[in-house]
């Protein structure tokens, strides 16, 4: 593989039309530039330049190589400024992951960043299970994940705030007439639950067990947002995060008494800094001002 210095020599020679001038611009000796060019030609197996009385010119192969050589040199020149911009939280890329239901929680912050920080590229991937999330973090395929806490022990978790857990029923369900409902009211009630691969399934099962509640599971879905829609349509009830309830849902959305919440956590491989730290702070601030609470259909 050609060295960056050798590619820089090719670019400089093409621009200057002279090995002498190219060497001067690169602060190298003429023999050094000639040596790098010879290395390139040996690796390519073809001549890249032709030495003439008044300087040098590129061969057709040299002109073809110049396009990619210039691109590589330009990219290398931009690498450190890009890193510095990310360190100052003024530019770069953040790869974000979250549970399916939390897209609506993150959306206002991501839209705000898109408007105010056009130089920052944000990518978002949604996950169903914690295992998917941890695999992506372990593989360094995402930089930040927002999940219901706590964060797995091998990662760094930053508390963001709490999200309300609500009960969704059809408009004519017996529980829909209540202002608030106790968990015990769910005992024996037909429940649209979550499939085992959705982490909400185990989390709710543990919460039900602690409360001594045994709802009757009549259906399971892996998609978080599907449960409240099925419940609103009349298929039992759904216990779900407020963020999973779509606006305008034709059913009843009830708070629990006492209020039932889950903690949201920003999870990273190491302590967040630079751009990621700024994004985490903005999510936390947004939740503090406008917590993800229940949505009243309409």
Protein backbone atom coordinates (compact mmCIF):
# COMPACT_ATOMS: atom_id res chain seq x y z
CA UNK A 1 0.00 0.00 0.00
CA UNK A 2 1.47 3.39 -0.96
CA UNK A 3 2.41 5.74 1.83
CA UNK A 4 0.63 9.04 2.25
CA UNK A 5 3.96 10.82 1.83
CA UNK A 6 4.50 9.15 -1.55
CA UNK A 7 1.02 10.16 -2.71
CA UNK A 8 1.70 13.71 -1.52
CA UNK A 9 4.86 13.72 -3.64
CA UNK A 10 2.87 12.71 -6.73
CA UNK A 11 0.35 15.49 -6.10
CA UNK A 12 3.08 18.07 -5.51
CA UNK A 13 4.96 17.09 -8.66
CA UNK A 14 1.76 17.26 -10.71
CA UNK A 15 0.96 20.72 -9.34
CA UNK A 16 4.49 22.10 -9.63
CA UNK A 17 5.52 20.38 -12.87
CA UNK A 18 8.96 19.94 -11.34
CA UNK A 19 10.58 17.64 -8.83
CA UNK A 20 12.69 20.54 -7.57
CA UNK A 21 9.65 22.73 -6.85
CA UNK A 22 7.71 19.81 -5.43
CA UNK A 23 10.58 19.04 -3.04
CA UNK A 24 10.69 22.68 -1.96
CA UNK A 25 6.93 22.80 -1.26
CA UNK A 26 7.13 19.60 0.78
CA UNK A 27 10.32 20.57 2.62
CA UNK A 28 12.01 17.44 1.28
CA UNK A 29 15.16 16.85 -0.73
CA UNK A 30 14.94 16.13 -4.44
CA UNK A 31 16.34 12.60 -3.96
CA UNK A 32 13.66 11.94 -1.33
CA UNK A 33 10.85 12.98 -3.69
CA UNK A 34 12.36 10.92 -6.51
CA UNK A 35 12.62 7.92 -4.18
CA UNK A 36 8.92 8.16 -3.20
CA UNK A 37 7.88 8.45 -6.84
CA UNK A 38 9.96 5.41 -7.74
CA UNK A 39 8.27 3.45 -4.95
CA UNK A 40 4.86 4.38 -6.35
CA UNK A 41 5.88 3.29 -9.83
CA UNK A 42 7.23 0.00 -8.54
CA UNK A 43 4.00 -0.73 -6.67
CA UNK A 44 1.86 0.30 -9.66
CA UNK A 45 4.05 -1.58 -12.11
CA UNK A 46 3.90 1.30 -14.57
CA UNK A 47 5.59 4.66 -15.12
CA UNK A 48 3.73 7.59 -13.58
CA UNK A 49 5.94 10.49 -14.70
CA UNK A 50 8.16 11.35 -17.63
CA UNK A 51 11.23 13.49 -16.94
CA UNK A 52 11.77 16.18 -19.53
CA UNK A 53 14.27 19.01 -20.00
CA UNK A 54 11.98 21.61 -18.44
CA UNK A 55 10.48 19.46 -15.74
CA UNK A 56 8.20 16.45 -15.59
CA UNK A 57 4.80 15.47 -16.92
CA UNK A 58 2.40 12.76 -15.85
CA UNK A 59 1.82 9.70 -17.98
CA UNK A 60 -1.80 8.57 -18.57
CA UNK A 61 -1.31 6.16 -15.66
CA UNK A 62 0.03 9.01 -13.56
CA UNK A 63 -3.01 11.16 -14.33
CA UNK A 64 -5.30 8.31 -13.34
CA UNK A 65 -3.41 7.81 -10.08
CA UNK A 66 -3.44 11.55 -9.37
CA UNK A 67 -7.21 11.66 -8.88
CA UNK A 68 -7.18 9.19 -5.99
CA UNK A 69 -3.85 10.46 -4.66
CA UNK A 70 -5.27 13.98 -4.35
CA UNK A 71 -8.40 12.63 -2.66
CA UNK A 72 -6.29 10.70 -0.14
CA UNK A 73 -4.09 13.69 0.63
CA UNK A 74 -7.10 15.99 1.03
CA UNK A 75 -8.82 13.48 3.32
CA UNK A 76 -5.71 13.14 5.46
CA UNK A 77 -5.47 16.90 5.71
CA UNK A 78 -9.08 17.06 6.92
CA UNK A 79 -8.74 14.25 9.45
CA UNK A 80 -7.20 16.19 12.33
CA UNK A 81 -9.42 19.27 11.93
CA UNK A 82 -12.45 16.96 11.94
CA UNK A 83 -11.22 15.30 15.12
CA UNK A 84 -10.58 18.67 16.70
CA UNK A 85 -14.07 19.85 15.73
CA UNK A 86 -15.60 16.75 17.33
CA UNK A 87 -13.55 17.35 20.47
CA UNK A 88 -14.85 20.92 20.62
CA UNK A 89 -18.37 19.63 19.94
CA UNK A 90 -18.60 21.72 16.77
CA UNK A 91 -18.70 18.98 14.13
CA UNK A 92 -18.55 15.25 13.49
CA UNK A 93 -20.83 12.22 13.54
CA UNK A 94 -22.83 10.60 16.34
CA UNK A 95 -24.29 7.12 15.87
CA UNK A 96 -27.32 6.78 18.14
CA UNK A 97 -29.37 3.76 19.15
CA UNK A 98 -32.58 3.54 21.17
CA UNK A 99 -35.49 1.33 22.05
CA UNK A 100 -38.29 1.51 19.49
CA UNK A 101 -40.61 3.38 21.84
CA UNK A 102 -38.06 6.08 22.62
CA UNK A 103 -37.83 7.57 19.12
CA UNK A 104 -40.54 10.06 20.08
CA UNK A 105 -38.58 11.03 23.19
CA UNK A 106 -35.42 11.73 21.19
CA UNK A 107 -37.09 13.28 18.15
CA UNK A 108 -37.37 16.89 19.46
CA UNK A 109 -33.68 16.95 20.44
CA UNK A 110 -32.54 15.39 17.17
CA UNK A 111 -34.61 17.88 15.16
CA UNK A 112 -33.14 20.75 17.17
CA UNK A 113 -29.59 19.48 16.55
CA UNK A 114 -30.30 19.13 12.84
CA UNK A 115 -31.37 22.77 12.73
CA UNK A 116 -28.67 24.24 14.95
CA UNK A 117 -25.74 21.92 14.19
CA UNK A 118 -25.82 21.29 10.48
CA UNK A 119 -22.15 20.24 10.63
CA UNK A 120 -23.02 17.25 12.84
CA UNK A 121 -24.29 14.09 11.17
CA UNK A 122 -26.70 12.10 13.35
CA UNK A 123 -27.67 8.51 12.57
CA UNK A 124 -30.36 6.59 14.47
CA UNK A 125 -31.02 2.87 14.82
CA UNK A 126 -33.96 1.41 16.75
CA UNK A 127 -33.72 -1.82 18.75
CA UNK A 128 -36.15 -4.22 20.37
CA UNK A 129 -33.92 -5.89 22.95
CA UNK A 130 -31.13 -4.85 25.29
CA UNK A 131 -29.01 -7.65 23.80
CA UNK A 132 -29.13 -5.96 20.40
CA UNK A 133 -28.04 -2.71 21.98
CA UNK A 134 -25.12 -4.15 23.91
CA UNK A 135 -23.92 -6.06 20.85
CA UNK A 136 -23.81 -2.82 18.85
CA UNK A 137 -21.94 -1.02 21.65
CA UNK A 138 -19.50 -3.90 22.07
CA UNK A 139 -18.83 -3.85 18.34
CA UNK A 140 -18.28 -0.08 18.37
CA UNK A 141 -21.03 0.30 15.79
CA UNK A 142 -22.89 2.98 17.75
CA UNK A 143 -21.69 5.73 20.09
CA UNK A 144 -24.71 6.32 22.31
CA UNK A 145 -27.75 4.29 23.29
CA UNK A 146 -30.81 5.52 25.15
CA UNK A 147 -32.55 2.72 27.02
CA UNK A 148 -34.55 2.11 30.17
CA UNK A 149 -32.00 1.77 32.96
CA UNK A 150 -29.94 0.58 34.53
CA UNK A 151 -27.11 0.37 32.01
CA UNK A 152 -25.23 -2.97 31.81
CA UNK A 153 -22.35 -2.94 34.29
CA UNK A 154 -19.58 -2.94 31.69
CA UNK A 155 -20.84 0.31 30.16
CA UNK A 156 -21.17 3.86 31.46
CA UNK A 157 -24.73 4.97 32.22
CA UNK A 158 -25.81 8.61 32.51
CA UNK A 159 -29.25 9.17 34.05
CA UNK A 160 -31.51 11.23 31.78
CA UNK A 161 -34.80 11.32 33.66
CA UNK A 162 -37.97 9.33 34.18
CA UNK A 163 -40.71 8.35 31.76
CA UNK A 164 -44.24 7.55 32.87
CA UNK A 165 -45.72 4.08 32.44
CA UNK A 166 -49.40 4.28 31.52
CA UNK A 167 -52.43 2.07 31.01
CA UNK A 168 -54.15 2.12 27.62
CA UNK A 169 -57.69 0.80 27.16
CA UNK A 170 -60.50 1.15 24.68
CA UNK A 171 -62.83 4.08 25.30
CA UNK A 172 -65.61 1.75 26.57
CA UNK A 173 -63.45 -0.43 28.83
CA UNK A 174 -64.59 -0.54 32.49
CA UNK A 175 -61.28 0.96 33.65
CA UNK A 176 -61.53 3.86 31.18
CA UNK A 177 -63.91 5.74 33.50
CA UNK A 178 -61.21 6.09 36.17
CA UNK A 179 -58.96 9.12 36.50
CA UNK A 180 -56.14 6.97 37.81
CA UNK A 181 -55.79 3.25 38.35
CA UNK A 182 -53.87 1.12 40.87
CA UNK A 183 -51.68 -1.72 39.67
CA UNK A 184 -53.81 -4.19 41.60
CA UNK A 185 -56.70 -3.39 39.24
CA UNK A 186 -54.78 -5.32 36.57
CA UNK A 187 -55.15 -8.65 38.39
CA UNK A 188 -56.96 -11.00 36.03
CA UNK A 189 -57.45 -8.30 33.38
CA UNK A 190 -56.89 -9.28 29.74
CA UNK A 191 -53.49 -7.88 28.73
CA UNK A 192 -51.84 -7.24 25.38
CA UNK A 193 -48.31 -8.12 26.47
CA UNK A 194 -44.91 -8.06 24.79
CA UNK A 195 -43.06 -10.92 23.15
CA UNK A 196 -40.06 -12.31 25.06
CA UNK A 197 -37.60 -10.70 22.63
CA UNK A 198 -38.92 -7.27 23.65
CA UNK A 199 -37.16 -6.25 26.88
CA UNK A 200 -40.39 -4.70 28.19
CA UNK A 201 -41.78 -8.22 28.59
CA UNK A 202 -39.41 -9.26 31.35
CA UNK A 203 -39.39 -5.80 32.92
CA UNK A 204 -43.18 -5.74 33.28
CA UNK A 205 -43.33 -9.36 34.47
CA UNK A 206 -40.98 -8.48 37.33
CA UNK A 207 -43.05 -5.40 38.20
CA UNK A 208 -46.28 -7.40 38.18
CA UNK A 209 -44.72 -10.06 40.41
CA UNK A 210 -43.55 -7.46 42.94
CA UNK A 211 -47.10 -6.06 43.07
CA UNK A 212 -48.70 -9.50 43.33
CA UNK A 213 -50.59 -8.89 40.09
CA UNK A 214 -51.41 -11.58 37.53
CA UNK A 215 -52.98 -10.21 34.38
CA UNK A 216 -54.25 -12.64 31.78
CA UNK A 217 -52.09 -12.46 28.67
CA UNK A 218 -54.29 -12.72 25.57
CA UNK A 219 -51.76 -11.64 22.95
CA UNK A 220 -48.09 -10.76 22.62
CA UNK A 221 -46.34 -8.40 20.22
CA UNK A 222 -42.67 -7.64 19.68
CA UNK A 223 -43.40 -4.08 18.56
CA UNK A 224 -43.77 -1.71 21.51
CA UNK A 225 -46.05 0.75 19.73
CA UNK A 226 -48.42 -2.03 18.59
CA UNK A 227 -49.62 -2.93 22.11
CA UNK A 228 -51.40 0.37 22.92
CA UNK A 229 -53.00 0.44 19.46
CA UNK A 230 -54.39 -3.08 19.93
CA UNK A 231 -55.67 -2.17 23.39
CA UNK A 232 -57.33 1.01 22.15
CA UNK A 233 -59.05 -1.07 19.48
CA UNK A 234 -60.64 -3.21 22.20
CA UNK A 235 -58.24 -6.15 22.58
CA UNK A 236 -57.65 -6.08 26.34
CA UNK A 237 -55.46 -3.40 27.93
CA UNK A 238 -51.85 -2.38 27.47
CA UNK A 239 -49.26 -1.27 30.01
CA UNK A 240 -46.65 0.70 28.12
CA UNK A 241 -44.26 3.66 28.22
CA UNK A 242 -45.93 6.98 27.48
CA UNK A 243 -43.63 7.41 24.50
CA UNK A 244 -45.25 4.37 22.84
CA UNK A 245 -48.69 6.01 22.78
CA UNK A 246 -49.29 7.73 19.43
CA UNK A 247 -51.01 11.09 19.32
CA UNK A 248 -54.71 10.82 18.52
CA UNK A 249 -55.04 7.25 19.81
CA UNK A 250 -58.80 6.43 19.88
CA UNK A 251 -58.82 5.09 23.42
CA UNK A 252 -58.17 6.00 27.04
CA UNK A 253 -54.73 6.68 28.50
CA UNK A 254 -54.63 6.43 32.28
CA UNK A 255 -51.96 7.19 34.87
CA UNK A 256 -51.27 4.75 37.65
CA UNK A 257 -51.65 5.56 41.34
CA UNK A 258 -49.02 5.97 42.59
CA UNK A 259 -47.38 7.23 39.39
CA UNK A 260 -45.39 4.49 37.69
CA UNK A 261 -42.18 5.51 35.94
CA UNK A 262 -39.08 4.00 34.42
CA UNK A 263 -35.63 5.58 34.38
CA UNK A 264 -34.10 6.45 31.02
CA UNK A 265 -30.33 6.13 30.72
CA UNK A 266 -27.77 7.21 28.14
CA UNK A 267 -25.38 4.29 27.73
CA UNK A 268 -21.87 4.59 26.29
CA UNK A 269 -18.74 2.43 26.24
CA UNK A 270 -16.73 5.08 28.10
CA UNK A 271 -17.54 8.35 29.81
CA UNK A 272 -19.12 10.60 27.15
CA UNK A 273 -17.20 13.67 26.05
CA UNK A 274 -17.24 16.17 23.20
CA UNK A 275 -20.25 15.87 20.93
CA UNK A 276 -21.77 12.90 22.73
CA UNK A 277 -21.61 14.68 26.10
CA UNK A 278 -23.39 17.70 24.62
CA UNK A 279 -26.12 15.53 23.11
CA UNK A 280 -26.63 13.64 26.39
CA UNK A 281 -26.92 16.95 28.26
CA UNK A 282 -29.50 18.24 25.77
CA UNK A 283 -31.61 15.07 26.09
CA UNK A 284 -31.47 15.32 29.88
CA UNK A 285 -32.43 18.99 29.81
CA UNK A 286 -35.32 18.31 27.45
CA UNK A 287 -36.70 15.57 29.70
CA UNK A 288 -36.38 17.81 32.74
CA UNK A 289 -38.39 20.59 31.07
CA UNK A 290 -40.87 18.43 29.17
CA UNK A 291 -40.87 14.95 30.70
CA UNK A 292 -42.20 12.12 28.54
CA UNK A 293 -45.53 11.84 30.30
CA UNK A 294 -48.87 10.45 29.24
CA UNK A 295 -50.51 11.58 26.04
CA UNK A 296 -54.17 12.41 26.09
CA UNK A 297 -55.73 11.20 22.84
CA UNK A 298 -57.43 13.77 20.66
